[in-house]
């Protein structure tokens, strides 16, 4: 009841209420991306495996479904993801059985709309977790509420969680919750939520390691804290590994492709190809270990967020740029550092708004195949017009002369901004005591930022209404 009361108070502000309506509308009218279809089926297969007596052979059940064309991708997630999605998708599994239907998603628009609403809920929960983490870092209630709004309305969050239907926002929720317990000294809860975060995406382990190296200098403590999430993920998967070794082995195939994306950028040195991610990440980890934690707890806590941001930068400035929906991982730590440095945050928020909106818009155009498929969704049903929406035409136009170098320039803008931002917010560069003359403009900027992010994420729908480019 206490949590429900806190959440009710959080959305009492009109802006937050409008945001919730915006997210729900976005989820229902935007598109039906291939990953969403596969993720939904993965969740429903949990019940199929359970009721057929083959729960621990889940991955083999998934393999059969994939071979039969019932899902677009093989189930490559860890079981915690499948279980959580499965709980939400249980009504769809029951509906299929009652209707004697092989694929309810192909025949029911309502089923497709329902299937992805859990991501709206976890986006709001992640925003709430970020808000509470901001409070732990010393933010007042008004600024903590602003964190919630800024996160949920970020173009990166809308693109990833609502439009392209990625589950990364769930892992972010668990990691932010883990960080809050870490700062509060609640070790058992911190490690438990860290295991949950790592089971959704192993990114959590990469992100947390520099923080562990910064906070702990004893090698035994470092090894213990770093290995807990690894061992936890292994133990969760162990029954499935033992009961279904062949099916579980198939799960790793697509994960290999994910690793290739992470190591996409390489540096040639002495006739050797060095993955740039490993080079940068090793440098961050070494620097974190050598850096002595600040004696002031508030400064030390902010430094932890900075180390996480640096690890995110190492990964996502070297990853395959087609994975635009992974840029959601920048958002919470940028906003935390931005809002806890009050001296120039109106200008910094303006810069963040401009850069992320420009970069987000270009990602929608560059990866247009992810953002223009509305077949079978309400928008297509209501208006009965072509679903291709000119995004492909816009993509082709912007890749031709004289626009051919535009993507490189926009990418350079994003890289320059994130590097300058990380440098400005390094530990010891504290300008929180200064007065920000532009503070009064932040509420208006937040609203404009949210509206613009919504329009960019729904660029396909905007072009749809315009009729032609």
Protein backbone atom coordinates (compact mmCIF):
# COMPACT_ATOMS: atom_id res chain seq x y z
CA UNK A 1 0.00 0.00 0.00
CA UNK A 2 2.87 2.35 0.77
CA UNK A 3 4.39 1.84 -2.69
CA UNK A 4 0.98 2.38 -4.34
CA UNK A 5 0.52 5.61 -2.40
CA UNK A 6 3.98 6.84 -3.43
CA UNK A 7 3.28 6.02 -7.07
CA UNK A 8 -0.11 7.81 -6.90
CA UNK A 9 1.60 10.89 -5.49
CA UNK A 10 4.21 10.70 -8.21
CA UNK A 11 1.65 10.91 -11.05
CA UNK A 12 -0.55 13.51 -9.39
CA UNK A 13 1.24 16.19 -11.35
CA UNK A 14 -0.55 16.83 -14.66
CA UNK A 15 2.60 16.41 -16.74
CA UNK A 16 3.21 12.92 -15.37
CA UNK A 17 -0.44 11.99 -15.93
CA UNK A 18 -0.28 13.18 -19.53
CA UNK A 19 2.95 11.24 -19.96
CA UNK A 20 1.26 8.02 -18.91
CA UNK A 21 -1.51 8.62 -21.44
CA UNK A 22 1.10 9.39 -24.07
CA UNK A 23 3.00 6.15 -23.39
CA UNK A 24 -0.17 4.07 -23.46
CA UNK A 25 -1.27 5.70 -26.73
CA UNK A 26 2.19 5.19 -28.22
CA UNK A 27 2.16 1.53 -27.29
CA UNK A 28 -1.27 0.97 -28.80
CA UNK A 29 -1.07 2.90 -32.09
CA UNK A 30 2.55 2.61 -33.14
CA UNK A 31 3.73 -0.68 -34.65
CA UNK A 32 4.15 -4.41 -34.23
CA UNK A 33 7.90 -5.05 -34.38
CA UNK A 34 9.25 -8.54 -35.04
CA UNK A 35 11.02 -8.77 -31.67
CA UNK A 36 7.73 -8.04 -29.92
CA UNK A 37 6.09 -10.96 -31.65
CA UNK A 38 8.99 -13.29 -30.75
CA UNK A 39 9.16 -12.08 -27.14
CA UNK A 40 5.42 -12.59 -26.70
CA UNK A 41 5.59 -16.12 -28.03
CA UNK A 42 8.57 -16.87 -25.78
CA UNK A 43 6.46 -15.89 -22.78
CA UNK A 44 3.52 -18.00 -23.91
CA UNK A 45 5.80 -21.00 -24.45
CA UNK A 46 6.56 -21.01 -20.71
CA UNK A 47 3.01 -22.23 -20.11
CA UNK A 48 3.13 -24.63 -23.05
CA UNK A 49 6.27 -26.20 -21.61
CA UNK A 50 4.85 -26.23 -18.07
CA UNK A 51 1.49 -27.82 -18.89
CA UNK A 52 3.08 -30.40 -21.19
CA UNK A 53 5.37 -31.55 -18.36
CA UNK A 54 8.48 -30.21 -20.13
CA UNK A 55 9.17 -27.03 -18.17
CA UNK A 56 12.90 -27.69 -17.85
CA UNK A 57 13.02 -28.52 -21.57
CA UNK A 58 11.71 -25.03 -22.32
CA UNK A 59 14.38 -24.27 -24.91
CA UNK A 60 13.66 -27.46 -26.85
CA UNK A 61 9.96 -26.54 -26.82
CA UNK A 62 10.99 -23.16 -28.17
CA UNK A 63 13.16 -24.77 -30.84
CA UNK A 64 10.19 -26.85 -32.07
CA UNK A 65 7.98 -23.72 -32.17
CA UNK A 66 10.64 -21.82 -34.10
CA UNK A 67 11.10 -24.67 -36.62
CA UNK A 68 7.31 -24.77 -37.11
CA UNK A 69 7.27 -21.05 -37.96
CA UNK A 70 5.34 -20.05 -34.84
CA UNK A 71 7.95 -17.47 -33.80
CA UNK A 72 10.31 -15.24 -35.72
CA UNK A 73 13.40 -15.83 -33.55
CA UNK A 74 14.58 -18.66 -31.34
CA UNK A 75 14.22 -18.01 -27.59
CA UNK A 76 17.60 -16.55 -26.67
CA UNK A 77 16.79 -14.91 -23.33
CA UNK A 78 17.54 -16.26 -19.88
CA UNK A 79 14.66 -17.87 -18.02
CA UNK A 80 13.89 -14.95 -15.70
CA UNK A 81 12.96 -12.88 -18.77
CA UNK A 82 10.79 -15.67 -20.15
CA UNK A 83 9.07 -16.22 -16.80
CA UNK A 84 8.29 -12.55 -16.24
CA UNK A 85 6.98 -12.05 -19.78
CA UNK A 86 5.12 -15.36 -19.47
CA UNK A 87 3.19 -14.16 -16.42
CA UNK A 88 1.93 -11.17 -18.41
CA UNK A 89 1.12 -13.24 -21.49
CA UNK A 90 -0.82 -15.93 -19.59
CA UNK A 91 -4.22 -14.48 -20.68
CA UNK A 92 -3.13 -14.81 -24.32
CA UNK A 93 -2.11 -18.43 -23.79
CA UNK A 94 -5.50 -19.18 -22.21
CA UNK A 95 -7.31 -17.35 -25.03
CA UNK A 96 -5.50 -19.45 -27.64
CA UNK A 97 -6.56 -22.64 -25.91
CA UNK A 98 -10.18 -21.53 -25.58
CA UNK A 99 -10.34 -20.35 -29.20
CA UNK A 100 -8.48 -23.42 -30.52
CA UNK A 101 -6.21 -20.96 -32.31
CA UNK A 102 -2.61 -21.64 -33.31
CA UNK A 103 -1.55 -17.99 -33.24
CA UNK A 104 -3.82 -15.46 -31.58
CA UNK A 105 -1.35 -12.69 -32.40
CA UNK A 106 -2.01 -13.12 -36.12
CA UNK A 107 -5.79 -12.83 -35.82
CA UNK A 108 -6.40 -10.39 -32.96
CA UNK A 109 -5.37 -6.76 -32.87
CA UNK A 110 -6.46 -6.60 -29.21
CA UNK A 111 -4.03 -9.43 -28.40
CA UNK A 112 -1.17 -7.56 -30.04
CA UNK A 113 -2.01 -4.38 -28.16
CA UNK A 114 -2.23 -6.22 -24.84
CA UNK A 115 0.96 -8.20 -25.48
CA UNK A 116 3.23 -5.17 -25.30
CA UNK A 117 1.61 -3.16 -22.50
CA UNK A 118 3.90 -4.68 -19.87
CA UNK A 119 6.73 -2.59 -21.34
CA UNK A 120 4.75 0.58 -20.59
CA UNK A 121 4.42 -0.58 -16.99
CA UNK A 122 8.14 -1.34 -16.66
CA UNK A 123 9.05 1.98 -18.25
CA UNK A 124 7.08 3.71 -15.52
CA UNK A 125 8.63 1.45 -12.87
CA UNK A 126 12.13 2.19 -14.19
CA UNK A 127 11.33 5.91 -14.09
CA UNK A 128 10.15 5.49 -10.51
CA UNK A 129 13.34 3.57 -9.61
CA UNK A 130 15.42 6.38 -11.12
CA UNK A 131 13.43 8.94 -9.16
CA UNK A 132 14.07 7.09 -5.90
CA UNK A 133 17.78 6.76 -6.76
CA UNK A 134 17.86 10.52 -7.32
CA UNK A 135 16.39 11.03 -3.85
CA UNK A 136 19.14 8.81 -2.46
CA UNK A 137 21.68 11.07 -4.19
CA UNK A 138 20.22 14.10 -2.41
CA UNK A 139 17.65 15.46 -4.85
CA UNK A 140 14.60 17.23 -3.47
CA UNK A 141 11.12 15.88 -4.24
CA UNK A 142 10.51 18.25 -7.17
CA UNK A 143 13.75 17.26 -8.88
CA UNK A 144 13.13 13.56 -8.24
CA UNK A 145 9.75 13.88 -9.94
CA UNK A 146 11.46 15.62 -12.84
CA UNK A 147 13.80 12.64 -13.17
CA UNK A 148 10.79 10.37 -13.60
CA UNK A 149 9.35 12.55 -16.33
CA UNK A 150 12.68 13.08 -18.12
CA UNK A 151 13.43 9.37 -18.22
CA UNK A 152 10.01 8.21 -19.40
CA UNK A 153 9.81 10.90 -22.11
CA UNK A 154 13.37 10.40 -23.41
CA UNK A 155 13.44 9.68 -27.13
CA UNK A 156 15.87 6.81 -26.46
CA UNK A 157 13.46 5.23 -23.98
CA UNK A 158 10.44 5.70 -26.25
CA UNK A 159 12.33 4.30 -29.24
CA UNK A 160 13.58 1.23 -27.40
CA UNK A 161 10.85 0.20 -24.97
CA UNK A 162 7.66 1.47 -26.57
CA UNK A 163 8.32 1.53 -30.30
CA UNK A 164 10.72 -1.36 -30.94
CA UNK A 165 9.50 -3.40 -27.97
CA UNK A 166 12.85 -4.22 -26.34
CA UNK A 167 12.98 -5.69 -22.83
CA UNK A 168 16.11 -3.73 -21.86
CA UNK A 169 14.01 -1.32 -19.81
CA UNK A 170 13.19 -4.19 -17.41
CA UNK A 171 16.88 -4.86 -16.81
CA UNK A 172 17.37 -1.13 -16.27
CA UNK A 173 14.64 -1.17 -13.62
CA UNK A 174 16.41 -3.98 -11.74
CA UNK A 175 19.84 -2.34 -12.05
CA UNK A 176 18.62 1.06 -10.82
CA UNK A 177 16.92 -0.66 -7.89
CA UNK A 178 20.15 -2.55 -7.15
CA UNK A 179 22.13 0.71 -7.19
CA UNK A 180 19.75 2.32 -4.73
CA UNK A 181 20.18 -0.57 -2.29
CA UNK A 182 23.95 -0.40 -2.82
CA UNK A 183 24.05 3.27 -1.83
CA UNK A 184 21.90 2.52 1.21
CA UNK A 185 24.30 -0.21 2.32
CA UNK A 186 21.65 -2.94 1.91
CA UNK A 187 24.05 -5.52 0.52
CA UNK A 188 21.74 -8.55 0.25
CA UNK A 189 19.04 -6.64 -1.64
CA UNK A 190 21.67 -4.97 -3.81
CA UNK A 191 23.15 -8.31 -4.88
CA UNK A 192 19.73 -9.91 -5.38
CA UNK A 193 18.55 -7.18 -7.74
CA UNK A 194 21.94 -7.20 -9.46
CA UNK A 195 21.44 -10.90 -10.24
CA UNK A 196 18.00 -10.08 -11.67
CA UNK A 197 19.49 -7.28 -13.80
CA UNK A 198 22.27 -9.53 -15.09
CA UNK A 199 19.80 -12.28 -15.94
CA UNK A 200 17.97 -9.88 -18.26
CA UNK A 201 21.10 -8.65 -20.02
CA UNK A 202 24.73 -9.31 -19.13
CA UNK A 203 25.31 -5.60 -19.74
CA UNK A 204 24.59 -5.10 -16.04
CA UNK A 205 27.83 -6.89 -15.13
CA UNK A 206 29.87 -4.75 -17.50
CA UNK A 207 28.32 -1.59 -16.11
CA UNK A 208 28.73 -2.43 -12.42
CA UNK A 209 32.32 -3.72 -12.48
CA UNK A 210 34.02 -0.27 -12.54
CA UNK A 211 31.81 0.76 -9.60
CA UNK A 212 32.91 -2.33 -7.65
CA UNK A 213 36.56 -1.55 -8.45
CA UNK A 214 36.06 2.05 -7.31
CA UNK A 215 34.33 1.17 -4.03
CA UNK A 216 36.33 -1.92 -3.09
CA UNK A 217 40.12 -2.20 -3.00
CA UNK A 218 40.33 -5.64 -1.42
CA UNK A 219 40.75 -8.21 -4.19
CA UNK A 220 38.69 -10.83 -2.37
CA UNK A 221 35.79 -8.38 -1.94
CA UNK A 222 36.03 -7.37 -5.59
CA UNK A 223 35.99 -10.98 -6.77
CA UNK A 224 33.09 -11.90 -4.49
CA UNK A 225 30.90 -8.94 -5.48
CA UNK A 226 31.67 -9.32 -9.19
CA UNK A 227 31.06 -13.07 -9.25
CA UNK A 228 27.75 -13.06 -7.37
CA UNK A 229 25.69 -11.97 -10.43
CA UNK A 230 27.60 -14.39 -12.69
CA UNK A 231 27.03 -17.30 -10.31
CA UNK A 232 23.42 -16.23 -9.75
CA UNK A 233 22.66 -16.28 -13.48
CA UNK A 234 24.37 -19.65 -13.80
CA UNK A 235 22.35 -21.15 -10.93
CA UNK A 236 19.07 -19.89 -12.40
CA UNK A 237 19.93 -21.57 -15.69
CA UNK A 238 21.41 -24.75 -14.18
CA UNK A 239 18.22 -26.89 -14.14
CA UNK A 240 17.63 -26.06 -17.81
CA UNK A 241 21.26 -26.77 -18.70
CA UNK A 242 21.12 -30.19 -17.05
CA UNK A 243 17.65 -31.22 -18.25
CA UNK A 244 17.96 -29.89 -21.78
CA UNK A 245 21.62 -29.50 -22.86
CA UNK A 246 20.84 -29.54 -26.60
CA UNK A 247 18.05 -26.96 -26.36
CA UNK A 248 20.06 -24.76 -24.03
CA UNK A 249 23.05 -24.88 -26.39
CA UNK A 250 20.87 -23.53 -29.22
CA UNK A 251 20.09 -20.49 -27.07
CA UNK A 252 23.72 -19.39 -27.27
CA UNK A 253 23.80 -19.09 -31.07
CA UNK A 254 22.08 -15.71 -31.24
CA UNK A 255 24.06 -14.54 -28.21
CA UNK A 256 27.18 -15.00 -30.33
CA UNK A 257 25.75 -12.50 -32.80
CA UNK A 258 25.15 -10.08 -29.93
CA UNK A 259 28.82 -10.44 -28.89
CA UNK A 260 29.88 -9.70 -32.47
CA UNK A 261 27.85 -6.48 -32.33
CA UNK A 262 29.60 -5.51 -29.08
CA UNK A 263 33.04 -6.08 -30.62
CA UNK A 264 32.11 -4.46 -33.94
CA UNK A 265 34.71 -1.65 -33.86
CA UNK A 266 38.34 -2.76 -33.96
CA UNK A 267 41.66 -0.97 -33.79
CA UNK A 268 44.61 -2.21 -35.84
CA UNK A 269 47.84 -2.22 -33.81
CA UNK A 270 51.03 -4.11 -34.64
CA UNK A 271 49.13 -6.28 -37.13
CA UNK A 272 46.60 -7.21 -34.47
CA UNK A 273 42.88 -6.42 -34.45
CA UNK A 274 42.02 -5.13 -30.98
CA UNK A 275 38.30 -4.68 -30.12
CA UNK A 276 38.05 -1.02 -29.18
CA UNK A 277 35.51 -1.84 -26.48
CA UNK A 278 38.00 -4.02 -24.59
CA UNK A 279 40.68 -1.34 -24.84
CA UNK A 280 38.48 1.46 -23.50
CA UNK A 281 36.76 -0.71 -20.90
CA UNK A 282 40.06 -2.01 -19.53
CA UNK A 283 41.26 1.58 -19.18
CA UNK A 284 38.11 2.55 -17.25
CA UNK A 285 38.39 -0.46 -14.93
CA UNK A 286 42.08 0.25 -14.21
CA UNK A 287 41.34 3.92 -13.54
CA UNK A 288 38.43 3.00 -11.24
CA UNK A 289 40.61 0.65 -9.20
CA UNK A 290 43.42 3.19 -8.85
CA UNK A 291 41.03 6.00 -7.88
CA UNK A 292 40.60 6.38 -4.13
CA UNK A 293 36.92 6.78 -3.10
CA UNK A 294 36.01 10.23 -1.87
CA UNK A 295 35.47 10.46 1.89
CA UNK A 296 32.30 12.49 1.38
CA UNK A 297 29.48 9.98 0.83
CA UNK A 298 27.45 12.24 -1.47
CA UNK A 299 30.46 12.84 -3.74
CA UNK A 300 31.32 9.14 -3.67
CA UNK A 301 27.76 8.16 -4.62
CA UNK A 302 27.76 10.56 -7.59
CA UNK A 303 31.14 9.17 -8.65
CA UNK A 304 29.59 5.70 -8.82
CA UNK A 305 27.05 6.97 -11.36
CA UNK A 306 29.90 8.55 -13.32
CA UNK A 307 31.82 5.26 -13.47
CA UNK A 308 28.72 3.51 -14.78
CA UNK A 309 28.29 6.19 -17.46
CA UNK A 310 31.91 5.68 -18.54
CA UNK A 311 31.34 1.93 -18.89
CA UNK A 312 28.19 2.61 -20.95
CA UNK A 313 30.22 4.95 -23.17
CA UNK A 314 32.87 2.27 -23.71
CA UNK A 315 30.27 -0.17 -24.95
CA UNK A 316 27.88 1.96 -26.96
CA UNK A 317 30.41 4.16 -28.71
CA UNK A 318 31.98 1.03 -30.16
CA UNK A 319 28.93 -1.17 -30.79
CA UNK A 320 27.28 -1.77 -34.16
CA UNK A 321 25.33 1.45 -34.78
CA UNK A 322 22.33 -0.52 -36.08
CA UNK A 323 21.54 -1.37 -32.44
CA UNK A 324 20.00 2.05 -31.90
CA UNK A 325 17.56 0.74 -29.31
CA UNK A 326 20.48 0.07 -26.95
CA UNK A 327 21.10 3.81 -26.46
CA UNK A 328 18.45 3.67 -23.75
CA UNK A 329 21.30 2.70 -21.41
CA UNK A 330 22.77 6.21 -21.58
CA UNK A 331 19.62 7.86 -20.31
CA UNK A 332 19.39 7.14 -16.56
CA UNK A 333 23.00 8.00 -15.72
CA UNK A 334 23.13 11.13 -17.86
CA UNK A 335 19.95 12.39 -16.20
CA UNK A 336 21.17 11.52 -12.70
CA UNK A 337 24.43 13.38 -13.14
CA UNK A 338 22.70 16.27 -14.88
CA UNK A 339 20.01 16.79 -12.24
CA UNK A 340 22.36 16.47 -9.26
CA UNK A 341 24.63 19.23 -10.62
CA UNK A 342 22.44 22.28 -10.27
CA UNK A 343 24.86 24.94 -11.45
CA UNK A 344 24.22 24.75 -15.20
CA UNK A 345 21.63 22.06 -15.61
CA UNK A 346 19.20 24.15 -17.68
CA UNK A 347 21.90 24.56 -20.35
CA UNK A 348 22.96 20.94 -19.99
CA UNK A 349 19.36 19.75 -20.28
CA UNK A 350 18.94 21.91 -23.38
CA UNK A 351 22.08 20.39 -24.91
CA UNK A 352 20.92 16.87 -23.98
CA UNK A 353 17.51 17.58 -25.51
CA UNK A 354 18.87 18.87 -28.80
CA UNK A 355 21.52 16.16 -29.25
CA UNK A 356 19.34 13.19 -28.27
CA UNK A 357 16.38 14.38 -30.37
CA UNK A 358 18.56 14.92 -33.45
CA UNK A 359 20.35 11.61 -32.93
CA UNK A 360 17.08 9.83 -32.12
CA UNK A 361 15.44 11.19 -35.27
CA UNK A 362 18.31 10.05 -37.41
CA UNK A 363 18.21 6.58 -35.85
CA UNK A 364 14.53 6.29 -36.77
CA UNK A 365 15.36 7.16 -40.38
CA UNK A 366 18.58 5.11 -40.54
CA UNK A 367 16.89 2.02 -39.08
CA UNK A 368 13.59 2.74 -40.83
CA UNK A 369 12.66 -0.94 -41.12
CA UNK A 370 12.31 -1.00 -37.32
CA UNK A 371 9.91 1.93 -37.26
CA UNK A 372 7.56 1.73 -40.24
CA UNK A 373 5.70 -1.55 -39.78
CA UNK A 374 2.16 -0.81 -38.55
CA UNK A 375 0.43 -3.66 -40.37
CA UNK A 376 -2.31 -5.06 -38.17
CA UNK A 377 -2.11 -2.31 -35.55
CA UNK A 378 -4.96 0.17 -34.85
CA UNK A 379 -3.44 2.89 -37.02
CA UNK A 380 -3.58 0.65 -40.08
CA UNK A 381 -7.04 -0.68 -39.19
CA UNK A 382 -8.55 2.74 -38.57
CA UNK A 383 -7.25 4.48 -41.67
CA UNK A 384 -6.88 1.64 -44.20
CA UNK A 385 -3.89 3.11 -45.99
CA UNK A 386 -0.40 2.02 -46.96
CA UNK A 387 1.78 0.99 -44.01
CA UNK A 388 5.11 1.91 -45.55
CA UNK A 389 4.70 5.58 -44.72
CA UNK A 390 7.56 7.04 -46.74
CA UNK A 391 10.21 6.37 -44.09
CA UNK A 392 12.08 4.24 -46.60
CA UNK A 393 11.88 7.08 -49.15
CA UNK A 394 13.20 9.52 -46.56
CA UNK A 395 16.00 7.09 -45.71
CA UNK A 396 17.05 6.77 -49.36
CA UNK A 397 16.91 10.54 -49.86
CA UNK A 398 19.10 11.33 -46.83
CA UNK A 399 21.71 8.77 -47.86
CA UNK A 400 22.09 10.31 -51.31
CA UNK A 401 24.07 13.41 -52.21
CA UNK A 402 24.22 16.09 -50.85
CA UNK A 403 23.11 14.45 -47.59
CA UNK A 404 25.48 11.47 -47.68
CA UNK A 405 27.71 12.78 -44.86
CA UNK A 406 24.84 13.82 -42.62
CA UNK A 407 24.83 10.66 -40.54
CA UNK A 408 28.56 10.97 -39.83
CA UNK A 409 28.07 14.57 -38.70
CA UNK A 410 25.15 13.66 -36.41
CA UNK A 411 27.06 10.72 -34.97
CA UNK A 412 30.05 13.01 -34.33
CA UNK A 413 27.74 15.48 -32.56
CA UNK A 414 26.48 12.75 -30.24
CA UNK A 415 29.97 11.43 -29.48
CA UNK A 416 31.30 14.94 -28.81
CA UNK A 417 28.39 15.74 -26.49
CA UNK A 418 28.61 12.55 -24.42
CA UNK A 419 32.39 12.85 -24.02
CA UNK A 420 32.17 16.51 -22.98
CA UNK A 421 29.33 15.66 -20.61
CA UNK A 422 31.31 12.81 -19.02
CA UNK A 423 34.35 15.08 -18.62
CA UNK A 424 32.30 17.86 -17.02
CA UNK A 425 30.77 15.48 -14.52
CA UNK A 426 33.96 13.74 -13.44
CA UNK A 427 34.45 13.35 -9.71
CA UNK A 428 35.70 16.56 -8.09
CA UNK A 429 34.23 18.91 -10.71
CA UNK A 430 31.29 19.89 -8.50
CA UNK A 431 29.41 23.06 -9.44
CA UNK A 432 26.23 22.27 -7.52
CA UNK A 433 26.52 25.37 -5.34
CA UNK A 434 26.30 27.79 -8.26
CA UNK A 435 23.05 29.49 -9.21
CA UNK A 436 21.45 28.52 -12.51
CA UNK A 437 19.71 31.53 -14.04
CA UNK A 438 17.80 29.33 -16.46
CA UNK A 439 16.24 27.09 -13.82
CA UNK A 440 12.76 28.55 -14.39
CA UNK A 441 12.77 27.36 -18.00
CA UNK A 442 13.30 23.67 -17.09
CA UNK A 443 9.56 22.76 -16.76
CA UNK A 444 8.81 24.19 -20.22
CA UNK A 445 11.86 22.50 -21.72
CA UNK A 446 10.76 19.19 -20.20
CA UNK A 447 7.34 19.44 -21.83
CA UNK A 448 8.75 20.41 -25.24
CA UNK A 449 11.31 17.63 -24.98
CA UNK A 450 8.60 15.06 -24.26
CA UNK A 451 6.36 16.20 -27.13
CA UNK A 452 9.28 16.24 -29.57
CA UNK A 453 10.43 12.79 -28.45
CA UNK A 454 6.92 11.44 -28.94
CA UNK A 455 6.69 12.88 -32.46
CA UNK A 456 10.12 11.56 -33.44
CA UNK A 457 9.41 8.07 -32.13
CA UNK A 458 6.13 8.15 -34.01
CA UNK A 459 7.69 9.61 -37.16
CA UNK A 460 6.07 6.85 -39.20
CA UNK A 461 2.67 7.86 -37.83
CA UNK A 462 3.40 11.57 -38.44
CA UNK A 463 4.24 10.86 -42.07
CA UNK A 464 1.18 8.65 -42.19
CA UNK A 465 -1.06 11.59 -41.29
CA UNK A 466 0.77 13.93 -43.64
CA UNK A 467 0.11 11.45 -46.44
CA UNK A 468 3.40 12.00 -48.23
CA UNK A 469 6.84 13.48 -47.65
